[in-house]
PDB file of N, CA and C in Angstrom:
ATOM      1  N   MET A   1     -13.310 -23.690 -16.243  1.00  0.00           N
ATOM      2  CA  MET A   1     -12.918 -23.493 -14.879  1.00  0.00           C
ATOM      3  C   MET A   1     -14.189 -23.153 -13.967  1.00  0.00           C
ATOM      4  N   GLU A   2     -14.443 -23.983 -13.188  1.00  0.00           N
ATOM      5  CA  GLU A   2     -15.615 -23.728 -12.284  1.00  0.00           C
ATOM      6  C   GLU A   2     -15.198 -23.067 -10.963  1.00  0.00           C
ATOM      7  N   LEU A   3     -15.878 -22.013 -10.572  1.00  0.00           N
ATOM      8  CA  LEU A   3     -15.660 -21.350  -9.287  1.00  0.00           C
ATOM      9  C   LEU A   3     -16.682 -21.955  -8.243  1.00  0.00           C
ATOM     10  N   THR A   4     -16.137 -22.712  -7.249  1.00  0.00           N
ATOM     11  CA  THR A   4     -17.001 -23.229  -6.307  1.00  0.00           C
ATOM     12  C   THR A   4     -16.902 -22.229  -5.129  1.00  0.00           C
ATOM     13  N   ILE A   5     -17.817 -22.474  -4.174  1.00  0.00           N
ATOM     14  CA  ILE A   5     -17.910 -21.723  -2.953  1.00  0.00           C
ATOM     15  C   ILE A   5     -16.528 -21.728  -2.226  1.00  0.00           C
ATOM     16  N   GLN A   6     -15.900 -22.958  -2.284  1.00  0.00           N
ATOM     17  CA  GLN A   6     -14.652 -23.004  -1.540  1.00  0.00           C
ATOM     18  C   GLN A   6     -13.473 -22.184  -2.233  1.00  0.00           C
ATOM     19  N   ASN A   7     -13.510 -22.309  -3.553  1.00  0.00           N
ATOM     20  CA  ASN A   7     -12.542 -21.538  -4.318  1.00  0.00           C
ATOM     21  C   ASN A   7     -12.772 -19.920  -4.058  1.00  0.00           C
ATOM     22  N   LEU A   8     -14.139 -19.463  -4.094  1.00  0.00           N
ATOM     23  CA  LEU A   8     -14.350 -18.084  -3.832  1.00  0.00           C
ATOM     24  C   LEU A   8     -13.943 -17.496  -2.506  1.00  0.00           C
ATOM     25  N   ILE A   9     -14.103 -18.482  -1.445  1.00  0.00           N
ATOM     26  CA  ILE A   9     -13.705 -18.149  -0.115  1.00  0.00           C
ATOM     27  C   ILE A   9     -12.064 -17.959  -0.132  1.00  0.00           C
ATOM     28  N   LYS A  10     -11.524 -19.006  -0.804  1.00  0.00           N
ATOM     29  CA  LYS A  10      -9.967 -18.788  -0.840  1.00  0.00           C
ATOM     30  C   LYS A  10      -9.497 -17.516  -1.455  1.00  0.00           C
ATOM     31  N   ILE A  11     -10.151 -17.156  -2.633  1.00  0.00           N
ATOM     32  CA  ILE A  11      -9.711 -15.997  -3.313  1.00  0.00           C
ATOM     33  C   ILE A  11      -9.990 -14.682  -2.539  1.00  0.00           C
ATOM     34  N   ILE A  12     -11.332 -14.765  -1.909  1.00  0.00           N
ATOM     35  CA  ILE A  12     -11.544 -13.470  -0.874  1.00  0.00           C
ATOM     36  C   ILE A  12     -10.655 -13.408   0.235  1.00  0.00           C
ATOM     37  N   LEU A  13     -10.256 -14.522   0.826  1.00  0.00           N
ATOM     38  CA  LEU A  13      -9.380 -14.494   1.930  1.00  0.00           C
ATOM     39  C   LEU A  13      -7.876 -14.055   1.530  1.00  0.00           C
ATOM     40  N   GLY A  14      -7.632 -14.546   0.360  1.00  0.00           N
ATOM     41  CA  GLY A  14      -6.223 -13.983  -0.262  1.00  0.00           C
ATOM     42  C   GLY A  14      -6.154 -12.654  -0.428  1.00  0.00           C
ATOM     43  N   VAL A  15      -7.194 -12.144  -1.134  1.00  0.00           N
ATOM     44  CA  VAL A  15      -7.192 -10.693  -1.345  1.00  0.00           C
ATOM     45  C   VAL A  15      -7.182  -9.909  -0.027  1.00  0.00           C
ATOM     46  N   LEU A  16      -7.997 -10.203   0.950  1.00  0.00           N
ATOM     47  CA  LEU A  16      -8.072  -9.573   2.303  1.00  0.00           C
ATOM     48  C   LEU A  16      -6.663  -9.647   2.878  1.00  0.00           C
ATOM     49  N   VAL A  17      -5.983 -10.767   2.841  1.00  0.00           N
ATOM     50  CA  VAL A  17      -4.687 -10.891   3.523  1.00  0.00           C
ATOM     51  C   VAL A  17      -3.778  -9.979   2.853  1.00  0.00           C
ATOM     52  N   PHE A  18      -3.774  -9.875   1.440  1.00  0.00           N
ATOM     53  CA  PHE A  18      -2.787  -8.996   0.650  1.00  0.00           C
ATOM     54  C   PHE A  18      -3.119  -7.517   1.075  1.00  0.00           C
ATOM     55  N   VAL A  19      -4.481  -7.150   1.133  1.00  0.00           N
ATOM     56  CA  VAL A  19      -4.791  -5.756   1.549  1.00  0.00           C
ATOM     57  C   VAL A  19      -4.367  -5.467   2.862  1.00  0.00           C
ATOM     58  N   VAL A  20      -4.419  -6.319   3.863  1.00  0.00           N
ATOM     59  CA  VAL A  20      -4.031  -6.115   5.249  1.00  0.00           C
ATOM     60  C   VAL A  20      -2.501  -5.899   5.415  1.00  0.00           C
ATOM     61  N   VAL A  21      -1.753  -6.763   4.523  1.00  0.00           N
ATOM     62  CA  VAL A  21      -0.360  -6.706   4.634  1.00  0.00           C
ATOM     63  C   VAL A  21       0.043  -5.226   3.955  1.00  0.00           C
ATOM     64  N   VAL A  22      -0.432  -4.943   2.844  1.00  0.00           N
ATOM     65  CA  VAL A  22      -0.034  -3.706   2.145  1.00  0.00           C
ATOM     66  C   VAL A  22      -0.370  -2.514   3.092  1.00  0.00           C
ATOM     67  N   PHE A  23      -1.519  -2.564   3.783  1.00  0.00           N
ATOM     68  CA  PHE A  23      -1.919  -1.543   4.580  1.00  0.00           C
ATOM     69  C   PHE A  23      -0.949  -1.446   5.889  1.00  0.00           C
ATOM     70  N   GLY A  24      -0.632  -2.718   6.393  1.00  0.00           N
ATOM     71  CA  GLY A  24       0.441  -2.684   7.375  1.00  0.00           C
ATOM     72  C   GLY A  24       1.713  -2.004   7.009  1.00  0.00           C
ATOM     73  N   ILE A  25       2.322  -2.488   5.992  1.00  0.00           N
ATOM     74  CA  ILE A  25       3.583  -1.975   5.413  1.00  0.00           C
ATOM     75  C   ILE A  25       3.420  -0.389   5.186  1.00  0.00           C
ATOM     76  N   TYR A  26       2.296   0.110   4.705  1.00  0.00           N
ATOM     77  CA  TYR A  26       2.109   1.558   4.590  1.00  0.00           C
ATOM     78  C   TYR A  26       2.193   2.187   5.901  1.00  0.00           C
ATOM     79  N   LEU A  27       1.464   1.678   6.899  1.00  0.00           N
ATOM     80  CA  LEU A  27       1.420   2.326   8.171  1.00  0.00           C
ATOM     81  C   LEU A  27       2.819   2.298   8.822  1.00  0.00           C
ATOM     82  N   PHE A  28       3.479   1.341   8.731  1.00  0.00           N
ATOM     83  CA  PHE A  28       4.954   1.196   9.206  1.00  0.00           C
ATOM     84  C   PHE A  28       5.822   2.060   8.671  1.00  0.00           C
ATOM     85  N   PHE A  29       5.926   2.324   7.182  1.00  0.00           N
ATOM     86  CA  PHE A  29       6.775   3.150   6.603  1.00  0.00           C
ATOM     87  C   PHE A  29       6.280   4.551   6.291  1.00  0.00           C
ATOM     88  N   LYS A  30       4.957   4.877   6.744  1.00  0.00           N
ATOM     89  CA  LYS A  30       4.338   5.962   6.272  1.00  0.00           C
ATOM     90  C   LYS A  30       5.252   7.300   6.825  1.00  0.00           C
ATOM     91  N   ASP A  31       5.647   7.412   7.934  1.00  0.00           N
ATOM     92  CA  ASP A  31       6.239   8.564   8.484  1.00  0.00           C
ATOM     93  C   ASP A  31       7.604   8.715   7.942  1.00  0.00           C
ATOM     94  N   THR A  32       8.356   7.570   7.729  1.00  0.00           N
ATOM     95  CA  THR A  32       9.789   7.588   7.291  1.00  0.00           C
ATOM     96  C   THR A  32       9.694   8.048   5.802  1.00  0.00           C
ATOM     97  N   VAL A  33       8.887   7.464   4.963  1.00  0.00           N
ATOM     98  CA  VAL A  33       8.872   7.975   3.595  1.00  0.00           C
ATOM     99  C   VAL A  33       8.530   9.281   3.320  1.00  0.00           C
ATOM    100  N   ILE A  34       7.481   9.808   4.093  1.00  0.00           N
ATOM    101  CA  ILE A  34       6.967  11.205   3.947  1.00  0.00           C
ATOM    102  C   ILE A  34       8.084  12.236   4.349  1.00  0.00           C
ATOM    103  N   ASP A  35       8.783  11.781   5.616  1.00  0.00           N
ATOM    104  CA  ASP A  35       9.952  12.669   6.037  1.00  0.00           C
ATOM    105  C   ASP A  35      11.092  12.636   5.001  1.00  0.00           C
ATOM    106  N   PHE A  36      11.384  11.461   4.260  1.00  0.00           N
ATOM    107  CA  PHE A  36      12.401  11.435   3.304  1.00  0.00           C
ATOM    108  C   PHE A  36      12.078  12.372   2.167  1.00  0.00           C
ATOM    109  N   PHE A  37      10.875  12.341   1.665  1.00  0.00           N
ATOM    110  CA  PHE A  37      10.668  13.210   0.532  1.00  0.00           C
ATOM    111  C   PHE A  37      10.724  14.741   0.947  1.00  0.00           C
ATOM    112  N   LYS A  38      10.056  14.955   2.118  1.00  0.00           N
ATOM    113  CA  LYS A  38      10.098  16.306   2.618  1.00  0.00           C
ATOM    114  C   LYS A  38      11.559  17.027   2.824  1.00  0.00           C
ATOM    115  N   ASN A  39      12.419  16.110   3.169  1.00  0.00           N
ATOM    116  CA  ASN A  39      13.820  16.575   3.412  1.00  0.00           C
ATOM    117  C   ASN A  39      14.752  16.697   2.179  1.00  0.00           C
ATOM    118  N   MET A  40      14.182  16.169   1.056  1.00  0.00           N
ATOM    119  CA  MET A  40      14.870  16.085  -0.119  1.00  0.00           C
ATOM    120  C   MET A  40      15.235  17.559  -0.640  1.00  0.00           C
ATOM    121  N   GLY A  41      14.151  18.535  -0.740  1.00  0.00           N
ATOM    122  CA  GLY A  41      14.414  19.899  -0.885  1.00  0.00           C
ATOM    123  C   GLY A  41      14.418  20.362  -2.390  1.00  0.00           C
ATOM    124  N   ASN A  42      14.146  19.350  -3.199  1.00  0.00           N
ATOM    125  CA  ASN A  42      14.189  19.933  -4.745  1.00  0.00           C
ATOM    126  C   ASN A  42      12.747  19.892  -5.250  1.00  0.00           C
ATOM    127  N   GLY A  43      12.428  20.365  -6.492  1.00  0.00           N
ATOM    128  CA  GLY A  43      11.083  20.479  -6.915  1.00  0.00           C
ATOM    129  C   GLY A  43      10.370  19.182  -7.291  1.00  0.00           C
ATOM    130  N   SER A  44      11.111  18.171  -7.532  1.00  0.00           N
ATOM    131  CA  SER A  44      10.420  16.714  -7.831  1.00  0.00           C
ATOM    132  C   SER A  44       9.803  16.214  -6.441  1.00  0.00           C
ATOM    133  N   SER A  45      10.551  16.454  -5.385  1.00  0.00           N
ATOM    134  CA  SER A  45       9.932  15.981  -4.175  1.00  0.00           C
ATOM    135  C   SER A  45       8.663  16.385  -3.796  1.00  0.00           C
ATOM    136  N   SER A  46       8.234  17.710  -4.040  1.00  0.00           N
ATOM    137  CA  SER A  46       6.920  18.087  -3.779  1.00  0.00           C
ATOM    138  C   SER A  46       5.918  17.432  -4.617  1.00  0.00           C
ATOM    139  N   ILE A  47       6.154  17.088  -5.756  1.00  0.00           N
ATOM    140  CA  ILE A  47       5.295  16.338  -6.764  1.00  0.00           C
ATOM    141  C   ILE A  47       5.102  14.937  -6.087  1.00  0.00           C
ATOM    142  N   ILE A  48       6.274  14.212  -5.795  1.00  0.00           N
ATOM    143  CA  ILE A  48       6.109  12.948  -5.327  1.00  0.00           C
ATOM    144  C   ILE A  48       5.435  12.966  -3.864  1.00  0.00           C
ATOM    145  N   PHE A  49       5.651  13.853  -3.173  1.00  0.00           N
ATOM    146  CA  PHE A  49       4.988  13.974  -1.822  1.00  0.00           C
ATOM    147  C   PHE A  49       3.476  14.231  -1.993  1.00  0.00           C
ATOM    148  N   SER A  50       3.117  15.063  -2.997  1.00  0.00           N
ATOM    149  CA  SER A  50       1.682  15.213  -3.150  1.00  0.00           C
ATOM    150  C   SER A  50       0.991  14.002  -3.613  1.00  0.00           C
ATOM    151  N   LEU A  51       1.692  13.151  -4.403  1.00  0.00           N
ATOM    152  CA  LEU A  51       1.089  11.976  -4.670  1.00  0.00           C
ATOM    153  C   LEU A  51       0.930  11.001  -3.646  1.00  0.00           C
ATOM    154  N   ILE A  52       1.896  10.818  -2.789  1.00  0.00           N
ATOM    155  CA  ILE A  52       1.844   9.998  -1.625  1.00  0.00           C
ATOM    156  C   ILE A  52       0.793  10.430  -0.650  1.00  0.00           C
ATOM    157  N   LYS A  53       0.824  11.649  -0.476  1.00  0.00           N
ATOM    158  CA  LYS A  53      -0.211  12.325   0.542  1.00  0.00           C
ATOM    159  C   LYS A  53      -1.766  12.155   0.172  1.00  0.00           C
TER     160      LYS A  53
END
């Protein structure tokens, strides 16, 4: 399998689009998810919250 310049550009653009989409979803749901885990009130929520934070 040969990687030409065209294929490398397509791969890089695909990765960049994926990263932008994931980052956008993170920004959109960030406040909702963190508030959800803050309001759970049990011990496991603090562990999960510390991982997300």
